[in-house]
Amino acid sequence: MFAFMFLLLLVPPVLFSLTHVAVISPQDPVLRIGSSLTATCTLSSDLSLHASTLYWTLNGARLSGSTYRVVSSSALSVTLHSLNGSWQQSGDNLVCHGADGSILAGSCLYVGMPPEKPVNLTCWSHNTKDLSCKWSLGGKGETHIRTKYTLKYKLRWYGSEKECENYSAVKQDYSCYIPSNIALFTPYEIWVEATNQLGSATSDVTSLDILDVVTTDPPANVQVSRVGDLEDQLTVRWASPPELKDILFLAKYQIRYRLEDRADWKVVDDVGNLTSCRLAGLKPGTVYFVQVRCIPVGIFGSRKPGIWSDWSHATAASTPSDKRPQRASCDPTPGEPNSTLRGELKQFLGWVRKHAYGCSGMSIKLYDQWRVWLQKSHKKRNKVGKQNLFVFL
C-alpha cells in the first residue's frame, strides 16, 4: 500500500479534481497461492478515455496485453493465472494506468497460505521471576502474507486467559517474554495461535510448572590455574550464580574443555555441587579453554531439575611443559632415601593420566586405591593384567 500511495503522488492534478478516477474490483483481494484472478478497471464517466487505451502493471512490471479484455468502453479487465506468493506482506501492487502512464486506480493483492500449527513450543523461567517461551513456524513456515502469532497462557485450574505482549522474531523462530506476575506451585497451560486473512491454527497446549523450567546465569568468575609443576593437570574454580541465594535452590555443575587448536569439547559430568575441580590427564605445555555451566536442582523441594544455563565465557590456561633440564647431579642416585618416593610419584601420575579423568579422579581415596594396586602388582611381579586393574577403580 505504501508503494501505491507514493505512486498516487504522480497522478496529474486534474485527476484529483474528479470524485472517482477509476475503480478496480475486486479491491484488495486475498487469494491462495496458485489461484487465478480477474480484475476489472472501471473508468469514471467523467473521463473522456476509452478502456482500450489503458494498461496494467503488477509491482511496476507491465502485464502482457494478451491478458487484457475490453469489457466495455469504460472497463478493461486483466486475468492472472497461477499466482505466486506475495513479494511483500503488505501485498502486491496491481495498478491500472492511462495511455500516458498516469495512475488511474490501484489494488493490493494478498497471495499466500493459511498458517500451519506452530511447533516446538518451549519455555523457561529466569530465577522463577519471569517466563520466556519460543516456538517455530509449522510446515514450510512462510505464509507470504502478514500472519499474527499470539502466545496465550492461563493457570490450569483457575484464572483468566492472558496474552503475552513482548514478541521478537529471528527468521522463523519466534519468542515472547512475560516479565512479571508469575505464579509458583501452580501449573500453567500455554499455547500459540497463528492467524491471517486465509485462516488460523493453534499449537499443542504445553503444561508446565515454573519450578521445573528454572534456569539461571552461568557461573561467574571462572578461573583456571596450574597445579604446581604437574604438567598434566589444571585446577578450575568458579563462583555460584548470585541467584542461588535469592531463591534457595542448589545447583549442579558441568565443565567442558578443549585444546586451543581444536573445536571439539570434552565434557566432565561428575562435578556435582562443588565449585572447584581438578582436570587430569591433560597434555603438557598445551593451552586449554575451559567453560562451566550449572543446572538448578531441589528448587523448593521440586524433584525435577531445571534447565541448564548458558556456558560461561571461555577461560584459557596452559599446562606446564614437561621439557625440563636434565642434570644428573640434581637427581638422587638409586638407593638414596628419596629416590623411592620420586619413583612412586612418577608411577602414580602416569597411572592417573591413563585411568582417572574427571573431577572425582584426583583425591586421597584414589591415591589409596593406587597404593593397593601397586602392592598387589609387586606381589605378582608386575604381571597383573588390565582386567584385574579395573577392579580397584
Protein backbone atom coordinates (compact mmCIF):
# COMPACT_ATOMS: atom_id res chain seq x y z
CA MET A 1 0.00 0.00 0.00
CA PHE A 2 2.86 2.40 0.74
CA ALA A 3 4.20 1.97 -2.78
CA PHE A 4 0.74 2.59 -4.21
CA MET A 5 0.27 5.77 -2.14
CA PHE A 6 3.62 7.01 -3.42
CA LEU A 7 2.53 6.37 -7.00
CA LEU A 8 -0.64 8.39 -6.43
CA LEU A 9 1.56 11.44 -5.87
CA LEU A 10 2.48 11.18 -9.55
CA VAL A 11 -1.14 11.46 -10.75
CA PRO A 12 -1.79 14.74 -12.66
CA PRO A 13 -3.59 17.37 -10.52
CA VAL A 14 -6.58 17.42 -12.86
CA LEU A 15 -7.43 13.84 -11.91
CA PHE A 16 -7.64 14.74 -8.20
CA SER A 17 -10.49 17.12 -9.00
CA LEU A 18 -12.63 14.15 -10.00
CA THR A 19 -14.64 12.29 -7.41
CA HIS A 20 -13.58 8.91 -8.83
CA VAL A 21 -10.92 8.48 -11.47
CA ALA A 22 -11.37 4.74 -11.77
CA VAL A 23 -12.14 1.75 -9.58
CA ILE A 24 -10.56 -1.72 -9.55
CA SER A 25 -12.68 -4.64 -8.50
CA PRO A 26 -12.25 -6.76 -6.56
CA GLN A 27 -10.41 -4.34 -4.29
CA ASP A 28 -7.52 -5.75 -2.21
CA PRO A 29 -8.40 -9.44 -2.66
CA VAL A 30 -6.86 -12.22 -0.52
CA LEU A 31 -6.02 -15.34 -2.50
CA ARG A 32 -4.28 -18.67 -2.01
CA ILE A 33 -1.08 -19.41 -3.87
CA GLY A 34 -1.89 -20.98 -7.24
CA SER A 35 -5.23 -19.18 -7.61
CA SER A 36 -6.37 -17.18 -10.64
CA LEU A 37 -7.76 -13.65 -10.58
CA THR A 38 -9.70 -11.49 -12.99
CA ALA A 39 -9.67 -7.82 -12.02
CA THR A 40 -11.56 -5.04 -13.78
CA CYS A 41 -10.65 -1.35 -14.01
CA THR A 42 -13.82 0.74 -14.50
CA LEU A 43 -13.35 4.35 -15.57
CA SER A 44 -15.36 7.25 -14.21
CA SER A 45 -17.97 8.54 -16.62
CA ASP A 46 -16.39 11.98 -16.25
CA LEU A 47 -13.27 10.82 -18.04
CA SER A 48 -13.03 11.11 -21.80
CA LEU A 49 -10.92 7.94 -22.01
CA HIS A 50 -11.55 4.65 -23.75
CA ALA A 51 -10.78 1.37 -21.97
CA SER A 52 -8.77 0.09 -24.93
CA THR A 53 -6.12 2.75 -24.26
CA LEU A 54 -5.43 1.55 -20.70
CA TYR A 55 -2.82 -0.92 -19.47
CA TRP A 56 -1.97 -2.84 -16.28
CA THR A 57 1.16 -3.25 -14.13
CA LEU A 58 1.93 -5.66 -11.31
CA ASN A 59 4.62 -4.48 -8.89
CA GLY A 60 5.77 -1.99 -11.51
CA ALA A 61 6.10 -4.52 -14.37
CA ARG A 62 3.76 -4.06 -17.34
CA LEU A 63 1.47 -7.04 -17.91
CA SER A 64 1.08 -8.58 -21.35
CA GLY A 65 -1.78 -7.29 -23.49
CA SER A 66 -2.79 -10.91 -24.10
CA THR A 67 -4.14 -10.98 -20.54
CA TYR A 68 -6.46 -7.98 -21.15
CA ARG A 69 -10.10 -7.93 -22.22
CA VAL A 70 -12.10 -4.83 -23.12
CA VAL A 71 -15.35 -5.33 -21.23
CA SER A 72 -16.85 -2.03 -22.41
CA SER A 73 -15.71 1.40 -23.49
CA SER A 74 -15.12 2.25 -19.82
CA ALA A 75 -13.92 -1.10 -18.42
CA LEU A 76 -10.77 -3.14 -19.00
CA SER A 77 -10.09 -6.45 -17.25
CA VAL A 78 -6.92 -8.46 -16.71
CA THR A 79 -6.66 -12.15 -15.85
CA LEU A 80 -3.77 -13.60 -13.85
CA HIS A 81 -3.23 -17.34 -13.56
CA SER A 82 -1.31 -19.48 -11.01
CA LEU A 83 -0.45 -16.62 -8.71
CA ASN A 84 2.74 -16.88 -6.67
CA GLY A 85 3.09 -15.77 -3.07
CA SER A 86 3.15 -12.02 -2.49
CA TRP A 87 6.54 -10.41 -2.73
CA GLN A 88 5.87 -8.44 0.44
CA GLN A 89 3.50 -8.91 3.36
CA SER A 90 1.88 -5.55 2.60
CA GLY A 91 0.63 -7.02 -0.68
CA ASP A 92 1.50 -6.83 -4.38
CA ASN A 93 0.52 -3.66 -6.26
CA LEU A 94 -1.88 -4.15 -9.18
CA VAL A 95 -2.30 -0.79 -10.95
CA CYS A 96 -4.46 0.46 -13.84
CA HIS A 97 -2.75 3.13 -15.99
CA GLY A 98 -3.85 5.63 -18.59
CA ALA A 99 -2.18 5.71 -22.02
CA ASP A 100 0.19 8.44 -20.79
CA GLY A 101 1.31 6.31 -17.83
CA SER A 102 -0.81 8.10 -15.26
CA ILE A 103 -2.19 6.02 -12.40
CA LEU A 104 -5.93 5.69 -12.51
CA ALA A 105 -6.54 3.11 -9.78
CA GLY A 106 -4.73 0.56 -7.68
CA SER A 107 -5.36 -2.57 -5.66
CA CYS A 108 -3.27 -4.73 -3.34
CA LEU A 109 -3.15 -8.48 -3.94
CA TYR A 110 -2.54 -10.67 -0.88
CA VAL A 111 -1.43 -14.06 -2.15
CA GLY A 112 -0.35 -16.63 0.40
CA MET A 113 -1.35 -19.58 2.53
CA PRO A 114 -3.13 -20.02 5.86
CA PRO A 115 -0.72 -20.66 8.75
CA GLU A 116 0.13 -24.18 9.89
CA LYS A 117 0.21 -25.28 13.52
CA PRO A 118 3.17 -23.72 15.39
CA VAL A 119 5.55 -26.36 16.78
CA ASN A 120 8.38 -26.85 19.29
CA LEU A 121 6.91 -24.61 21.97
CA THR A 122 9.34 -24.49 24.92
CA CYS A 123 9.51 -22.18 27.93
CA TRP A 124 11.95 -21.30 30.69
CA SER A 125 11.99 -19.04 33.76
CA HIS A 126 14.98 -16.95 34.83
CA ASN A 127 15.22 -17.40 38.59
CA THR A 128 11.43 -18.01 38.88
CA LYS A 129 10.83 -14.29 38.32
CA ASP A 130 9.72 -14.27 34.69
CA LEU A 131 8.80 -16.58 31.80
CA SER A 132 10.13 -16.76 28.24
CA CYS A 133 8.77 -19.01 25.50
CA LYS A 134 9.87 -19.73 21.96
CA TRP A 135 8.39 -21.71 19.08
CA SER A 136 8.87 -22.46 15.40
CA LEU A 137 6.55 -21.96 12.46
CA GLY A 138 4.77 -25.07 11.31
CA GLY A 139 5.24 -26.68 7.89
CA LYS A 140 7.23 -24.59 5.44
CA GLY A 141 6.72 -21.60 7.71
CA GLU A 142 6.37 -18.81 5.16
CA THR A 143 2.76 -17.75 4.52
CA HIS A 144 3.67 -14.76 2.27
CA ILE A 145 1.04 -12.59 3.94
CA ARG A 146 1.00 -10.89 7.30
CA THR A 147 0.43 -13.51 9.99
CA LYS A 148 -0.08 -12.76 13.66
CA TYR A 149 1.28 -15.08 16.34
CA THR A 150 -0.20 -14.79 19.82
CA LEU A 151 1.16 -16.59 22.88
CA LYS A 152 -1.64 -17.29 25.35
CA TYR A 153 -1.41 -18.72 28.85
CA LYS A 154 -3.52 -19.36 31.91
CA LEU A 155 -3.35 -21.18 35.21
CA ARG A 156 -4.61 -24.72 34.75
CA TRP A 157 -7.28 -24.75 37.42
CA TYR A 158 -8.29 -21.13 37.76
CA GLY A 159 -7.59 -17.68 36.39
CA SER A 160 -8.42 -15.97 33.13
CA GLU A 161 -6.69 -16.38 29.77
CA LYS A 162 -3.90 -13.89 29.18
CA GLU A 163 -1.79 -12.84 26.20
CA CYS A 164 1.95 -12.25 26.06
CA GLU A 165 2.89 -8.79 24.78
CA ASN A 166 6.68 -8.70 24.23
CA TYR A 167 7.41 -10.53 20.97
CA SER A 168 10.55 -10.95 18.89
CA ALA A 169 11.40 -12.98 15.81
CA VAL A 170 14.60 -14.24 14.20
CA LYS A 171 13.92 -15.81 10.82
CA GLN A 172 11.30 -18.49 11.53
CA ASP A 173 11.87 -18.68 15.28
CA TYR A 174 9.52 -16.59 17.41
CA SER A 175 9.64 -15.82 21.12
CA CYS A 176 7.72 -13.87 23.73
CA TYR A 177 8.68 -12.61 27.17
CA ILE A 178 6.43 -12.33 30.25
CA PRO A 179 8.36 -10.10 32.69
CA SER A 180 6.39 -10.43 35.91
CA ASN A 181 3.40 -11.77 37.86
CA ILE A 182 4.47 -15.39 37.55
CA ALA A 183 2.72 -17.81 39.91
CA LEU A 184 4.62 -20.63 41.63
CA PHE A 185 3.34 -24.05 42.72
CA THR A 186 0.51 -23.93 40.15
CA PRO A 187 0.79 -25.42 36.63
CA TYR A 188 0.35 -23.23 33.58
CA GLU A 189 -1.22 -24.07 30.24
CA ILE A 190 0.50 -22.29 27.34
CA TRP A 191 -0.18 -22.31 23.60
CA VAL A 192 0.32 -20.23 20.43
CA GLU A 193 -2.35 -19.10 17.98
CA ALA A 194 -1.45 -18.14 14.41
CA THR A 195 -3.95 -16.16 12.29
CA ASN A 196 -4.02 -14.42 8.93
CA GLN A 197 -6.65 -13.49 6.34
CA LEU A 198 -6.75 -17.04 4.99
CA GLY A 199 -7.15 -18.99 8.22
CA SER A 200 -5.80 -19.84 11.66
CA ALA A 201 -4.01 -22.63 13.51
CA THR A 202 -3.24 -23.41 17.16
CA SER A 203 -0.25 -25.21 18.63
CA ASP A 204 -0.48 -28.08 21.06
CA VAL A 205 -1.05 -26.94 24.64
CA THR A 206 2.06 -27.15 26.83
CA SER A 207 1.54 -27.74 30.54
CA LEU A 208 4.36 -26.79 32.89
CA ASP A 209 5.24 -25.84 36.42
CA ILE A 210 7.52 -22.82 36.69
CA LEU A 211 9.73 -24.66 39.18
CA ASP A 212 10.51 -27.31 36.54
CA VAL A 213 11.76 -24.83 33.94
CA VAL A 214 14.01 -22.61 36.05
CA THR A 215 17.39 -21.57 34.69
CA THR A 216 19.96 -19.11 35.94
CA ASP A 217 23.00 -17.15 34.84
CA PRO A 218 26.22 -19.06 34.11
CA PRO A 219 28.69 -19.49 36.97
CA ALA A 220 30.74 -16.36 37.49
CA ASN A 221 34.45 -15.62 37.96
CA VAL A 222 35.72 -18.82 36.33
CA GLN A 223 39.45 -19.21 36.99
CA VAL A 224 41.82 -21.84 35.63
CA SER A 225 45.29 -22.29 37.13
CA ARG A 226 48.20 -24.72 37.15
CA VAL A 227 48.71 -27.34 39.84
CA GLY A 228 52.28 -26.57 40.78
CA ASP A 229 54.62 -28.19 38.28
CA LEU A 230 52.27 -31.05 37.40
CA GLU A 231 52.34 -30.90 33.63
CA ASP A 232 49.10 -32.83 33.04
CA GLN A 233 46.69 -31.04 35.40
CA LEU A 234 44.76 -27.77 35.79
CA THR A 235 42.51 -26.56 38.60
CA VAL A 236 39.18 -24.88 37.75
CA ARG A 237 37.38 -22.65 40.27
CA TRP A 238 34.19 -20.62 39.91
CA ALA A 239 31.57 -18.72 41.89
CA SER A 240 27.93 -19.77 42.21
CA PRO A 241 25.39 -17.55 40.43
CA PRO A 242 24.06 -14.91 42.86
CA GLU A 243 20.50 -16.07 42.20
CA LEU A 244 21.15 -19.27 44.09
CA LYS A 245 20.93 -17.32 47.33
CA ASP A 246 17.86 -15.39 46.23
CA ILE A 247 15.55 -18.32 45.55
CA LEU A 248 17.07 -21.02 47.76
CA PHE A 249 17.96 -23.75 45.30
CA LEU A 250 21.08 -25.83 44.84
CA ALA A 251 22.97 -26.32 41.62
CA LYS A 252 24.96 -28.99 39.88
CA TYR A 253 27.80 -28.02 37.62
CA GLN A 254 29.29 -29.25 34.39
CA ILE A 255 32.65 -28.42 32.85
CA ARG A 256 33.87 -28.67 29.31
CA TYR A 257 37.34 -28.04 27.96
CA ARG A 258 39.19 -28.20 24.65
CA LEU A 259 42.61 -27.76 23.19
CA GLU A 260 43.42 -24.33 21.79
CA ASP A 261 43.58 -25.60 18.21
CA ARG A 262 40.61 -27.97 18.41
CA ALA A 263 36.89 -27.31 18.04
CA ASP A 264 35.57 -30.37 19.89
CA TRP A 265 34.92 -30.15 23.62
CA LYS A 266 35.35 -32.82 26.27
CA VAL A 267 32.62 -32.69 28.94
CA VAL A 268 33.10 -33.51 32.63
CA ASP A 269 29.76 -34.56 34.12
CA ASP A 270 30.72 -35.68 37.61
CA VAL A 271 31.32 -32.28 39.21
CA GLY A 272 28.24 -32.35 41.46
CA ASN A 273 27.64 -29.22 43.54
CA LEU A 274 31.34 -28.43 44.03
CA THR A 275 32.70 -25.06 42.93
CA SER A 276 36.17 -26.30 42.07
CA CYS A 277 37.60 -29.18 40.11
CA ARG A 278 40.95 -30.59 39.05
CA LEU A 279 41.34 -31.75 35.44
CA ALA A 280 43.85 -34.58 34.99
CA GLY A 281 45.32 -36.41 32.02
CA LEU A 282 46.00 -33.24 30.04
CA LYS A 283 48.78 -32.68 27.53
CA PRO A 284 51.86 -30.92 28.89
CA GLY A 285 52.75 -27.50 27.52
CA THR A 286 49.29 -27.02 25.98
CA VAL A 287 46.74 -24.18 26.11
CA TYR A 288 43.23 -25.25 27.14
CA PHE A 289 39.93 -23.35 27.03
CA VAL A 290 37.51 -24.12 29.87
CA GLN A 291 33.81 -23.29 30.40
CA VAL A 292 31.37 -24.03 33.22
CA ARG A 293 27.57 -24.15 33.37
CA CYS A 294 25.02 -25.11 36.01
CA ILE A 295 21.56 -26.58 36.41
CA PRO A 296 19.33 -25.78 39.40
CA VAL A 297 18.12 -28.74 41.44
CA GLY A 298 15.98 -29.14 44.55
CA ILE A 299 14.05 -25.95 43.90
CA PHE A 300 11.64 -25.53 46.82
CA GLY A 301 11.60 -29.31 47.11
CA SER A 302 10.90 -29.95 43.41
CA ARG A 303 12.07 -33.40 42.31
CA LYS A 304 12.78 -32.32 38.75
CA PRO A 305 15.93 -30.43 37.76
CA GLY A 306 15.63 -27.12 35.99
CA ILE A 307 17.26 -26.15 32.70
CA TRP A 308 20.99 -25.85 32.02
CA SER A 309 22.32 -22.31 31.99
CA ASP A 310 24.42 -20.99 29.14
CA TRP A 311 28.11 -21.79 29.25
CA SER A 312 30.34 -19.24 30.94
CA HIS A 313 32.82 -17.26 28.89
CA ALA A 314 35.81 -19.38 27.93
CA THR A 315 38.82 -19.06 30.21
CA ALA A 316 42.27 -20.07 28.95
CA ALA A 317 45.27 -21.55 30.78
CA SER A 318 48.27 -23.64 29.81
CA THR A 319 49.76 -26.73 31.40
CA PRO A 320 53.47 -26.65 32.30
CA SER A 321 55.91 -28.03 29.79
CA ASP A 322 57.46 -31.42 30.52
CA LYS A 323 60.75 -30.35 28.97
CA ARG A 324 63.00 -29.78 31.96
CA PRO A 325 66.85 -29.53 32.06
CA GLN A 326 68.46 -32.92 32.55
CA ARG A 327 71.18 -32.56 35.22
CA ALA A 328 72.46 -35.84 36.68
CA SER A 329 73.90 -34.11 39.76
CA CYS A 330 70.43 -32.92 40.78
CA ASP A 331 68.74 -36.33 40.70
CA PRO A 332 69.21 -38.73 43.61
CA THR A 333 71.14 -41.82 42.75
CA PRO A 334 69.44 -45.21 43.11
CA GLY A 335 69.37 -46.31 46.71
CA GLU A 336 69.13 -42.82 48.24
CA PRO A 337 66.15 -42.32 50.65
CA ASN A 338 64.03 -40.02 48.44
CA SER A 339 64.56 -41.92 45.19
CA THR A 340 61.83 -44.41 46.04
CA LEU A 341 59.28 -41.64 46.75
CA ARG A 342 60.15 -39.86 43.50
CA GLY A 343 59.78 -43.09 41.52
CA GLU A 344 56.43 -43.91 43.12
CA LEU A 345 55.13 -40.41 42.45
CA LYS A 346 56.01 -40.69 38.76
CA GLN A 347 54.24 -44.06 38.57
CA PHE A 348 51.18 -42.64 40.32
CA LEU A 349 50.87 -39.65 37.97
CA GLY A 350 51.24 -41.92 34.97
CA TRP A 351 48.54 -44.20 36.30
CA VAL A 352 46.19 -41.23 36.92
CA ARG A 353 46.81 -39.91 33.43
CA LYS A 354 45.59 -43.17 31.92
CA HIS A 355 42.78 -44.16 34.26
CA ALA A 356 41.43 -41.20 36.22
CA TYR A 357 39.89 -38.46 34.12
CA GLY A 358 37.37 -36.04 35.53
CA CYS A 359 36.92 -34.14 38.75
CA SER A 360 36.43 -37.13 41.01
CA GLY A 361 39.75 -38.62 39.87
CA MET A 362 42.37 -36.70 41.89
CA SER A 363 41.72 -37.50 45.55
CA ILE A 364 43.23 -39.21 48.58
CA LYS A 365 40.88 -42.12 48.00
CA LEU A 366 42.24 -42.53 44.50
CA TYR A 367 45.79 -42.46 45.80
CA ASP A 368 44.92 -45.20 48.31
CA GLN A 369 43.44 -47.30 45.52
CA TRP A 370 46.63 -46.90 43.56
CA ARG A 371 48.73 -47.97 46.54
CA VAL A 372 46.65 -51.14 46.82
CA TRP A 373 47.16 -51.79 43.15
CA LEU A 374 50.90 -51.14 43.47
CA GLN A 375 51.26 -53.56 46.37
CA LYS A 376 49.35 -56.29 44.58
CA SER A 377 51.33 -55.69 41.41
CA HIS A 378 54.58 -56.10 43.32
CA LYS A 379 53.38 -59.38 44.80
CA LYS A 380 52.54 -60.67 41.38
CA ARG A 381 55.83 -59.36 39.96
CA ASN A 382 54.13 -56.76 37.75
CA LYS A 383 52.12 -59.41 35.91
CA VAL A 384 48.67 -58.14 36.86
CA GLY A 385 46.54 -57.90 33.74
CA LYS A 386 44.50 -54.90 32.68
CA GLN A 387 41.27 -56.72 33.57
CA ASN A 388 42.37 -57.05 37.24
CA LEU A 389 43.41 -53.40 37.36
CA PHE A 390 39.88 -52.08 36.84
CA VAL A 391 38.61 -53.99 39.88
CA PHE A 392 40.16 -51.29 42.06
CA LEU A 393 38.90 -48.23 40.15
